[in-house]
Amino acid sequence: MSITITDPALLAQLREAGCAELTDPEGNVIGTFAAEGLGHLPPGVKSPFTRAEMEERRRTQRTGRPLKDIIRDLEARG
């Protein structure tokens, strides 16, 4: 589903926020909003790493734990 926003003030608020929780007048959370383009560098900003360096790090620097291990530990806490 797509909702078209025509209120210029609301559009400006959403653009400025980048990410926001949307609530009804009573304060109940309806959902979240995330602007397109988040996770990308702003115009004029250059990463200190080349694409090749980033790919190399993805291949060689694994962090975290397997999901099955996390679930097992959580179940053990019971």
N, C-alpha and C. Protein backbone atom coordinates (compact mmCIF):
# COMPACT_ATOMS: atom_id res chain seq x y z
N MET A 1 0.84 -1.18 0.00
CA MET A 1 0.00 0.00 0.00
C MET A 1 0.88 1.24 0.00
N SER A 2 0.42 2.25 -0.65
CA SER A 2 1.15 3.51 -0.72
C SER A 2 0.25 4.63 -0.22
N ILE A 3 0.80 5.51 0.61
CA ILE A 3 0.07 6.66 1.11
C ILE A 3 0.77 7.91 0.60
N THR A 4 0.01 8.80 -0.04
CA THR A 4 0.58 10.04 -0.56
C THR A 4 0.39 11.15 0.47
N ILE A 5 1.47 11.80 0.85
CA ILE A 5 1.43 12.90 1.80
C ILE A 5 1.51 14.20 1.01
N THR A 6 0.52 15.06 1.23
CA THR A 6 0.48 16.33 0.50
C THR A 6 0.74 17.54 1.40
N ASP A 7 0.74 17.33 2.70
CA ASP A 7 0.96 18.44 3.64
C ASP A 7 2.44 18.83 3.63
N PRO A 8 2.78 20.03 3.14
CA PRO A 8 4.18 20.45 3.04
C PRO A 8 4.91 20.47 4.39
N ALA A 9 4.20 20.83 5.45
CA ALA A 9 4.83 20.87 6.78
C ALA A 9 5.20 19.46 7.24
N LEU A 10 4.30 18.51 7.03
CA LEU A 10 4.58 17.13 7.41
C LEU A 10 5.72 16.55 6.57
N LEU A 11 5.71 16.83 5.28
CA LEU A 11 6.79 16.37 4.41
C LEU A 11 8.14 16.90 4.89
N ALA A 12 8.18 18.17 5.26
CA ALA A 12 9.43 18.77 5.75
C ALA A 12 9.88 18.10 7.04
N GLN A 13 8.94 17.81 7.95
CA GLN A 13 9.28 17.14 9.20
C GLN A 13 9.87 15.75 8.94
N LEU A 14 9.25 15.00 8.05
CA LEU A 14 9.72 13.65 7.76
C LEU A 14 11.10 13.68 7.11
N ARG A 15 11.31 14.61 6.19
CA ARG A 15 12.62 14.71 5.55
C ARG A 15 13.70 15.07 6.56
N GLU A 16 13.37 15.96 7.47
CA GLU A 16 14.34 16.40 8.48
C GLU A 16 14.64 15.28 9.48
N ALA A 17 13.61 14.51 9.84
CA ALA A 17 13.78 13.47 10.85
C ALA A 17 14.64 12.31 10.35
N GLY A 18 14.47 11.93 9.08
CA GLY A 18 15.19 10.76 8.58
C GLY A 18 14.54 9.48 9.03
N CYS A 19 14.46 9.27 10.35
CA CYS A 19 13.74 8.13 10.95
C CYS A 19 12.82 8.69 12.01
N ALA A 20 11.61 8.17 12.08
CA ALA A 20 10.67 8.68 13.07
C ALA A 20 9.64 7.62 13.42
N GLU A 21 9.16 7.68 14.66
CA GLU A 21 8.03 6.88 15.08
C GLU A 21 6.77 7.67 14.77
N LEU A 22 5.81 7.06 14.12
CA LEU A 22 4.56 7.74 13.81
C LEU A 22 3.52 7.32 14.85
N THR A 23 2.86 8.30 15.47
CA THR A 23 1.88 8.01 16.51
C THR A 23 0.54 8.66 16.18
N ASP A 24 -0.52 8.12 16.80
CA ASP A 24 -1.83 8.74 16.67
C ASP A 24 -1.95 9.84 17.73
N PRO A 25 -3.05 10.58 17.75
CA PRO A 25 -3.19 11.68 18.72
C PRO A 25 -3.10 11.25 20.18
N GLU A 26 -3.38 9.97 20.47
CA GLU A 26 -3.30 9.48 21.85
C GLU A 26 -1.90 9.01 22.21
N GLY A 27 -0.97 9.04 21.25
CA GLY A 27 0.40 8.61 21.52
C GLY A 27 0.69 7.16 21.20
N ASN A 28 -0.29 6.45 20.64
CA ASN A 28 -0.08 5.05 20.26
C ASN A 28 0.76 4.98 18.98
N VAL A 29 1.76 4.13 18.99
CA VAL A 29 2.63 3.99 17.83
C VAL A 29 1.88 3.30 16.70
N ILE A 30 1.86 3.95 15.56
CA ILE A 30 1.24 3.39 14.36
C ILE A 30 2.28 2.61 13.57
N GLY A 31 3.49 3.15 13.52
CA GLY A 31 4.56 2.51 12.77
C GLY A 31 5.79 3.39 12.78
N THR A 32 6.75 3.03 11.96
CA THR A 32 7.97 3.81 11.87
C THR A 32 8.18 4.26 10.44
N PHE A 33 8.91 5.34 10.30
CA PHE A 33 9.23 5.90 9.00
C PHE A 33 10.73 5.99 8.87
N ALA A 34 11.25 5.57 7.75
CA ALA A 34 12.68 5.71 7.45
C ALA A 34 12.80 6.28 6.04
N ALA A 35 13.47 7.41 5.93
CA ALA A 35 13.63 8.07 4.64
C ALA A 35 14.49 7.24 3.71
N GLU A 36 14.21 7.31 2.42
CA GLU A 36 15.05 6.65 1.42
C GLU A 36 16.45 7.22 1.49
N GLY A 37 17.43 6.39 1.26
CA GLY A 37 18.80 6.88 1.20
C GLY A 37 19.56 6.75 2.51
N LEU A 38 18.88 6.32 3.57
CA LEU A 38 19.62 6.12 4.82
C LEU A 38 20.62 5.00 4.62
N GLY A 39 21.75 5.13 5.22
CA GLY A 39 22.80 4.14 5.03
C GLY A 39 23.74 4.48 3.89
N HIS A 40 23.49 5.59 3.25
CA HIS A 40 24.35 6.06 2.18
C HIS A 40 25.06 7.33 2.65
N LEU A 41 26.26 7.53 2.16
CA LEU A 41 26.99 8.74 2.51
C LEU A 41 26.33 9.95 1.88
N PRO A 42 26.31 11.07 2.59
CA PRO A 42 25.75 12.30 2.01
C PRO A 42 26.57 12.75 0.81
N PRO A 43 25.97 13.53 -0.07
CA PRO A 43 26.71 14.04 -1.22
C PRO A 43 27.97 14.79 -0.78
N GLY A 44 29.06 14.54 -1.46
CA GLY A 44 30.31 15.22 -1.16
C GLY A 44 31.17 14.53 -0.12
N VAL A 45 30.63 13.49 0.54
CA VAL A 45 31.40 12.76 1.55
C VAL A 45 31.93 11.49 0.92
N LYS A 46 33.22 11.23 1.09
CA LYS A 46 33.84 10.07 0.49
C LYS A 46 34.31 9.11 1.59
N SER A 47 34.06 7.84 1.40
CA SER A 47 34.49 6.82 2.36
C SER A 47 36.01 6.73 2.35
N PRO A 48 36.61 6.51 3.53
CA PRO A 48 38.06 6.35 3.56
C PRO A 48 38.51 4.98 3.04
N PHE A 49 37.55 4.08 2.76
CA PHE A 49 37.86 2.73 2.29
C PHE A 49 37.40 2.54 0.85
N THR A 50 38.18 1.81 0.07
CA THR A 50 37.78 1.49 -1.30
C THR A 50 36.76 0.35 -1.24
N ARG A 51 36.04 0.15 -2.33
CA ARG A 51 35.08 -0.97 -2.39
C ARG A 51 35.81 -2.30 -2.18
N ALA A 52 37.00 -2.42 -2.76
CA ALA A 52 37.77 -3.66 -2.61
C ALA A 52 38.12 -3.91 -1.14
N GLU A 53 38.50 -2.85 -0.42
CA GLU A 53 38.82 -3.00 1.01
C GLU A 53 37.58 -3.41 1.81
N MET A 54 36.44 -2.84 1.50
CA MET A 54 35.22 -3.21 2.21
C MET A 54 34.83 -4.66 1.92
N GLU A 55 34.95 -5.09 0.68
CA GLU A 55 34.65 -6.48 0.33
C GLU A 55 35.59 -7.44 1.05
N GLU A 56 36.86 -7.08 1.11
CA GLU A 56 37.84 -7.92 1.81
C GLU A 56 37.49 -8.06 3.28
N ARG A 57 37.09 -6.98 3.91
CA ARG A 57 36.69 -7.03 5.32
C ARG A 57 35.46 -7.90 5.51
N ARG A 58 34.50 -7.81 4.59
CA ARG A 58 33.30 -8.66 4.70
C ARG A 58 33.66 -10.13 4.62
N ARG A 59 34.64 -10.45 3.78
CA ARG A 59 35.03 -11.86 3.61
C ARG A 59 35.85 -12.37 4.79
N THR A 60 36.71 -11.54 5.37
CA THR A 60 37.67 -12.04 6.35
C THR A 60 37.34 -11.71 7.79
N GLN A 61 36.57 -10.69 8.04
CA GLN A 61 36.29 -10.28 9.42
C GLN A 61 34.87 -10.65 9.81
N ARG A 62 34.69 -11.91 10.13
CA ARG A 62 33.38 -12.39 10.56
C ARG A 62 33.23 -12.15 12.05
N THR A 63 32.10 -11.60 12.45
CA THR A 63 31.81 -11.40 13.86
C THR A 63 30.43 -11.98 14.15
N GLY A 64 30.12 -12.10 15.40
CA GLY A 64 28.81 -12.60 15.77
C GLY A 64 28.83 -14.10 16.02
N ARG A 65 27.64 -14.62 16.30
CA ARG A 65 27.48 -16.04 16.59
C ARG A 65 26.36 -16.61 15.74
N PRO A 66 26.38 -17.91 15.50
CA PRO A 66 25.28 -18.52 14.76
C PRO A 66 23.97 -18.40 15.53
N LEU A 67 22.87 -18.20 14.81
CA LEU A 67 21.57 -18.04 15.44
C LEU A 67 21.22 -19.23 16.31
N LYS A 68 21.55 -20.44 15.88
CA LYS A 68 21.20 -21.62 16.68
C LYS A 68 21.89 -21.57 18.05
N ASP A 69 23.11 -21.03 18.13
CA ASP A 69 23.80 -20.90 19.41
C ASP A 69 23.12 -19.86 20.30
N ILE A 70 22.68 -18.78 19.71
CA ILE A 70 21.99 -17.74 20.47
C ILE A 70 20.68 -18.28 21.04
N ILE A 71 19.92 -18.97 20.20
CA ILE A 71 18.64 -19.54 20.64
C ILE A 71 18.88 -20.56 21.75
N ARG A 72 19.87 -21.41 21.60
CA ARG A 72 20.18 -22.41 22.62
C ARG A 72 20.49 -21.73 23.96
N ASP A 73 21.29 -20.67 23.93
CA ASP A 73 21.64 -19.97 25.15
C ASP A 73 20.43 -19.30 25.79
N LEU A 74 19.56 -18.73 24.97
CA LEU A 74 18.36 -18.10 25.51
C LEU A 74 17.42 -19.13 26.13
N GLU A 75 17.28 -20.28 25.48
CA GLU A 75 16.44 -21.34 26.03
C GLU A 75 17.00 -21.89 27.34
N ALA A 76 18.33 -21.93 27.45
CA ALA A 76 18.97 -22.42 28.67
C ALA A 76 18.70 -21.49 29.85
N ARG A 77 18.52 -20.20 29.57
CA ARG A 77 18.21 -19.24 30.64
C ARG A 77 16.82 -19.45 31.20
N GLY A 78 15.95 -19.98 30.34
CA GLY A 78 14.62 -20.37 30.63
C GLY A 78 13.66 -19.63 31.35
